[in-house]
Amino acid sequence: MKKVFLTVVALMIASALLAQAPVEVAKDQQALLKSPDPKLATNKKLVYDYWREVLQATDLSKAEQYMTADFIEHNPSMPTGRKGFMEAFKHFKPKPVKATVDNLVTIVAERDIVVLVFREELDNPKAKGKKYSTTWFDMFGVKDGKIHEHW
């Protein structure tokens, strides 16, 4: 009995040590937009506002403001070009623009690239009925003050 008890305690400790730490969303998204490099700060704000106003709120009237006409899309299930983008999203009804981006973890910028990292909650395949959080990202190329590319 004592051996079973010690085994159970050992398993509980091991599972606690192996438990996945949840992904946390950013508490201050405005702080993520800052950078000592003004160009990087501008690019971050451009992509952040594009996500909030065009994608999250599905306001296609603002697509031209944010995207180049020859926008390159690397997602094989989406058309390329601003026109193709607008065609793909035309069935979505616009929603109010939120002050923040849903589930945003962080923003990273380097040269003309901006990456938005998001939190996602999924079913845990190792623990039936439980969830776990993970991340996914979208990466954008900026050219001449507009979004030119998406990965």
Protein backbone atom coordinates (compact mmCIF):
# COMPACT_ATOMS: atom_id res chain seq x y z
CA MET A 1 0.00 0.00 0.00
CA LYS A 2 2.81 2.37 0.90
CA LYS A 3 4.46 1.66 -2.48
CA VAL A 4 1.22 2.50 -4.33
CA PHE A 5 0.85 5.71 -2.34
CA LEU A 6 4.43 6.78 -3.11
CA THR A 7 3.91 5.97 -6.79
CA VAL A 8 0.74 8.09 -6.89
CA VAL A 9 2.50 10.98 -5.13
CA ALA A 10 5.46 10.69 -7.54
CA LEU A 11 3.09 10.77 -10.54
CA MET A 12 1.29 13.82 -9.15
CA ILE A 13 4.58 15.65 -8.66
CA ALA A 14 5.81 14.64 -12.12
CA SER A 15 2.58 15.80 -13.77
CA ALA A 16 2.80 19.12 -11.95
CA LEU A 17 6.36 19.58 -13.16
CA LEU A 18 5.40 18.70 -16.73
CA ALA A 19 2.27 20.84 -16.79
CA GLN A 20 2.17 23.29 -19.66
CA ALA A 21 2.31 26.95 -18.70
CA PRO A 22 -0.62 28.82 -20.22
CA VAL A 23 0.05 31.44 -22.88
CA GLU A 24 -0.87 34.90 -21.61
CA VAL A 25 -2.24 37.71 -23.77
CA ALA A 26 -0.60 41.14 -23.60
CA LYS A 27 -2.03 43.30 -20.86
CA ASP A 28 -0.85 46.58 -22.44
CA GLN A 29 -1.07 46.37 -26.22
CA GLN A 30 -0.10 50.01 -26.69
CA ALA A 31 3.27 49.26 -25.08
CA LEU A 32 3.87 46.62 -27.77
CA LEU A 33 3.69 49.32 -30.45
CA LYS A 34 6.67 51.21 -29.09
CA SER A 35 10.17 50.92 -30.49
CA PRO A 36 13.33 53.03 -30.26
CA ASP A 37 13.36 52.85 -34.08
CA PRO A 38 10.60 55.14 -35.45
CA LYS A 39 10.27 53.07 -38.64
CA LEU A 40 9.64 49.87 -36.66
CA ALA A 41 7.09 51.67 -34.44
CA THR A 42 5.31 52.97 -37.56
CA ASN A 43 5.27 49.49 -39.14
CA LYS A 44 3.95 47.91 -35.94
CA LYS A 45 1.14 50.47 -35.71
CA LEU A 46 0.25 49.98 -39.38
CA VAL A 47 -0.12 46.21 -39.03
CA TYR A 48 -1.85 46.50 -35.63
CA ASP A 49 -4.45 48.95 -36.99
CA TYR A 50 -4.89 46.88 -40.16
CA TRP A 51 -5.64 43.83 -38.03
CA ARG A 52 -8.13 45.71 -35.85
CA GLU A 53 -9.88 47.70 -38.57
CA VAL A 54 -9.75 45.47 -41.67
CA LEU A 55 -9.44 41.88 -40.46
CA GLN A 56 -11.01 41.86 -37.01
CA ALA A 57 -13.78 44.34 -37.88
CA THR A 58 -13.96 43.17 -41.54
CA ASP A 59 -14.20 46.76 -42.77
CA LEU A 60 -13.13 46.33 -46.39
CA SER A 61 -13.58 50.03 -47.09
CA LYS A 62 -10.23 50.52 -45.31
CA ALA A 63 -8.31 47.84 -47.23
CA GLU A 64 -6.89 50.34 -49.75
CA GLN A 65 -5.61 52.50 -46.89
CA TYR A 66 -3.54 49.60 -45.52
CA MET A 67 -2.73 47.24 -48.41
CA THR A 68 -0.82 47.59 -51.67
CA ALA A 69 -2.79 46.75 -54.83
CA ASP A 70 -0.28 43.98 -55.62
CA PHE A 71 -0.48 42.52 -52.09
CA ILE A 72 1.13 39.05 -52.00
CA GLU A 73 -0.71 36.32 -50.07
CA HIS A 74 1.22 33.17 -49.14
CA ASN A 75 -1.74 31.32 -47.62
CA PRO A 76 -2.69 28.81 -50.35
CA SER A 77 -6.37 28.94 -49.39
CA MET A 78 -6.58 32.71 -49.98
CA PRO A 79 -6.35 34.67 -53.23
CA THR A 80 -3.47 37.09 -53.72
CA GLY A 81 -3.79 40.81 -54.48
CA ARG A 82 -5.88 43.40 -52.65
CA LYS A 83 -8.77 42.73 -55.04
CA GLY A 84 -8.58 39.00 -54.30
CA PHE A 85 -8.47 39.70 -50.57
CA MET A 86 -11.57 41.89 -50.80
CA GLU A 87 -13.39 39.27 -52.85
CA ALA A 88 -12.62 36.59 -50.24
CA PHE A 89 -13.92 38.75 -47.38
CA LYS A 90 -16.87 40.44 -49.09
CA HIS A 91 -19.44 38.14 -47.46
CA PHE A 92 -18.45 39.15 -43.94
CA LYS A 93 -20.51 41.83 -42.27
CA PRO A 94 -18.48 44.72 -40.79
CA LYS A 95 -18.35 44.90 -37.00
CA PRO A 96 -17.39 47.74 -34.68
CA VAL A 97 -13.65 48.36 -34.45
CA LYS A 98 -12.24 47.33 -31.09
CA ALA A 99 -9.53 49.29 -29.30
CA THR A 100 -7.40 46.14 -29.03
CA VAL A 101 -6.57 43.01 -31.02
CA ASP A 102 -8.20 39.83 -29.73
CA ASN A 103 -5.84 37.29 -28.13
CA LEU A 104 -2.67 39.24 -28.96
CA VAL A 105 0.43 37.99 -27.14
CA THR A 106 3.12 40.19 -28.68
CA ILE A 107 4.31 42.10 -31.75
CA VAL A 108 7.78 41.71 -33.20
CA ALA A 109 9.26 43.94 -35.92
CA GLU A 110 12.54 43.82 -37.80
CA ARG A 111 13.43 45.63 -41.04
CA ASP A 112 10.15 45.65 -43.07
CA ILE A 113 8.63 42.61 -41.34
CA VAL A 114 6.02 42.68 -38.56
CA VAL A 115 4.83 39.57 -36.73
CA LEU A 116 1.67 39.39 -34.61
CA VAL A 117 1.61 36.47 -32.16
CA PHE A 118 -1.73 35.20 -30.86
CA ARG A 119 -3.00 32.93 -28.10
CA GLU A 120 -5.19 30.01 -29.12
CA GLU A 121 -6.95 27.50 -26.89
CA LEU A 122 -7.26 23.92 -28.14
CA ASP A 123 -8.47 20.56 -26.88
CA ASN A 124 -5.68 18.76 -25.06
CA PRO A 125 -5.07 15.41 -26.83
CA LYS A 126 -3.40 14.05 -23.70
CA ALA A 127 -6.17 15.00 -21.26
CA LYS A 128 -9.71 14.40 -22.47
CA GLY A 129 -12.05 17.29 -21.70
CA LYS A 130 -9.17 19.66 -20.90
CA LYS A 131 -7.83 22.56 -22.92
CA TYR A 132 -4.38 23.97 -23.42
CA SER A 133 -3.15 27.23 -24.86
CA THR A 134 -0.64 27.65 -27.63
CA THR A 135 0.43 30.34 -30.08
CA TRP A 136 0.12 31.02 -33.77
CA PHE A 137 1.32 33.98 -35.76
CA ASP A 138 0.77 36.08 -38.85
CA MET A 139 3.72 37.78 -40.53
CA PHE A 140 3.47 40.84 -42.75
CA GLY A 141 5.83 42.60 -45.14
CA VAL A 142 5.57 46.39 -45.30
CA LYS A 143 6.49 48.36 -48.43
CA ASP A 144 6.15 52.11 -48.89
CA GLY A 145 3.97 52.49 -45.80
CA LYS A 146 1.46 49.75 -46.71
CA ILE A 147 1.11 46.03 -46.14
CA HIS A 148 2.56 44.30 -49.17
CA GLU A 149 2.85 40.67 -48.13
CA HIS A 150 1.36 38.13 -45.71
CA TRP A 151 2.65 34.78 -44.51
